Structure formats: C-alpha cells, structure tokens
Protein backbone atom coordinates (compact mmCIF):
# COMPACT_ATOMS: atom_id res chain seq x y z
CA MET A 1 -2.50 -22.39 165.49
CA ASN A 2 -3.55 -24.55 168.53
CA SER A 3 -0.95 -26.32 170.59
CA GLU A 4 -2.09 -29.60 169.39
CA ASN A 5 -1.49 -28.87 165.50
CA LEU A 6 1.85 -27.49 166.72
CA ILE A 7 2.93 -30.54 168.59
CA LYS A 8 1.69 -32.75 165.57
CA GLN A 9 3.92 -30.73 163.25
CA PHE A 10 6.87 -31.00 165.51
CA ASP A 11 6.43 -34.71 165.65
CA GLU A 12 6.14 -34.69 162.04
CA ILE A 13 9.59 -33.02 161.59
CA GLU A 14 11.14 -35.13 164.33
CA THR A 15 10.06 -38.07 162.44
CA LYS A 16 11.50 -36.78 159.27
CA VAL A 17 14.74 -35.72 160.68
CA GLU A 18 15.32 -39.00 162.16
CA ARG A 19 14.72 -40.65 158.75
CA VAL A 20 17.33 -38.22 157.33
CA LEU A 21 19.77 -38.92 160.16
CA SER A 22 19.11 -42.91 159.40
CA THR A 23 19.77 -42.29 155.77
CA LEU A 24 22.75 -40.45 156.46
CA GLN A 25 23.96 -43.08 158.86
CA THR A 26 23.63 -45.88 156.19
CA ILE A 27 25.14 -43.47 153.41
CA GLU A 28 28.27 -42.88 155.65
CA ALA A 29 28.45 -46.79 156.37
CA GLU A 30 28.31 -47.35 152.87
CA ASN A 31 30.93 -45.04 151.98
CA VAL A 32 33.36 -46.61 154.46
CA GLU A 33 32.64 -49.99 152.82
CA LEU A 34 33.19 -48.59 149.54
CA LYS A 35 36.62 -46.78 150.62
CA ARG A 36 37.46 -50.03 151.89
CA GLN A 37 36.83 -51.79 148.67
CA VAL A 38 38.75 -49.17 146.62
CA ARG A 39 41.83 -49.46 148.86
CA LYS A 40 41.61 -53.41 148.45
CA LEU A 41 41.32 -52.79 144.60
CA GLU A 42 44.24 -50.49 144.59
CA ASP A 43 46.37 -52.75 146.44
CA THR A 44 45.47 -55.56 144.01
CA LEU A 45 46.22 -53.43 141.22
CA GLY A 46 49.39 -52.42 142.33
CA GLN A 47 50.30 -56.17 142.79
CA LYS A 48 49.36 -57.06 139.38
CA GLU A 49 51.28 -53.88 138.01
CA ALA A 50 54.38 -55.05 139.91
CA ALA A 51 54.03 -58.71 138.61
CA ALA A 52 53.34 -57.50 134.97
CA SER A 53 56.83 -55.33 135.35
CA HIS A 54 58.68 -58.15 136.90
CA PHE A 55 57.45 -60.53 134.03
CA SER A 56 58.30 -57.75 131.56
CA ASP A 57 61.80 -57.68 132.86
CA GLU A 58 62.07 -61.53 132.86
CA LYS A 59 60.72 -61.64 129.03
CA ARG A 60 63.46 -58.94 128.14
CA GLN A 61 66.07 -61.17 129.92
CA ILE A 62 65.09 -64.26 128.06
CA ARG A 63 65.39 -62.40 124.86
CA GLU A 64 68.77 -61.42 125.65
CA ARG A 65 69.92 -64.84 126.30
CA VAL A 66 68.15 -66.32 123.48
CA ASP A 67 69.87 -63.76 121.02
CA ILE A 68 73.08 -64.30 122.47
CA LEU A 69 72.53 -67.94 122.24
CA LEU A 70 71.51 -67.65 118.59
CA ASN A 71 74.55 -65.49 117.74
CA LYS A 72 76.96 -67.91 119.35
CA LEU A 73 75.15 -70.67 117.35
CA GLY A 74 75.27 -68.42 114.37
CA ASP A 75 79.18 -68.07 114.93
CA PHE A 76 80.03 -71.60 115.26
CA SER A 77 78.05 -72.64 112.31
CA ARG A 78 80.12 -69.98 110.45
CA ASN A 79 83.25 -71.25 111.90
CA ASN A 80 82.57 -74.92 111.27
CA ALA A 81 81.26 -74.45 107.71
C-alpha cells in the first residue's frame, strides 16, 4: 500500500469521524431540548393535576352544602306542613 492511498484512507476516515461527531452533537442538542420539553410538560401536568384536585374538593364542598340546605328545606317543609 503506497503512502498516497494510506493518506486518502485516513482522510476518508477523518471525514466519516467528523460526520459522526457532528451527528452526535446534533443528537445531544435535540436530547437536551427534548428533556426541557418533558420537564415543561411534567410541570404543566402537575399544575393541571393540582387544579383538578382543587376543583374536586370544591365540588365535594358544594355538594355537602347543597345536601345540608336540602335537609334544612325538608325539615322546614315537614315542620310547616
């Protein structure tokens, strides 16, 4: 193998390694962005879960109050009948 062919092969290897490194950098940047998006979505989900829990508590409290009022109305109507 002459030195010219050897240099050509090393140049080809160097080009391929540079492409692989470039691709790796692109993938790493995409991975960082995807991790950021996942954290943002997890935060949003946490906020929505908290809001749903709060809404559920409010709904339960409203039902309890309505039941109390209905019982009072029932008692009132029975006492005045």
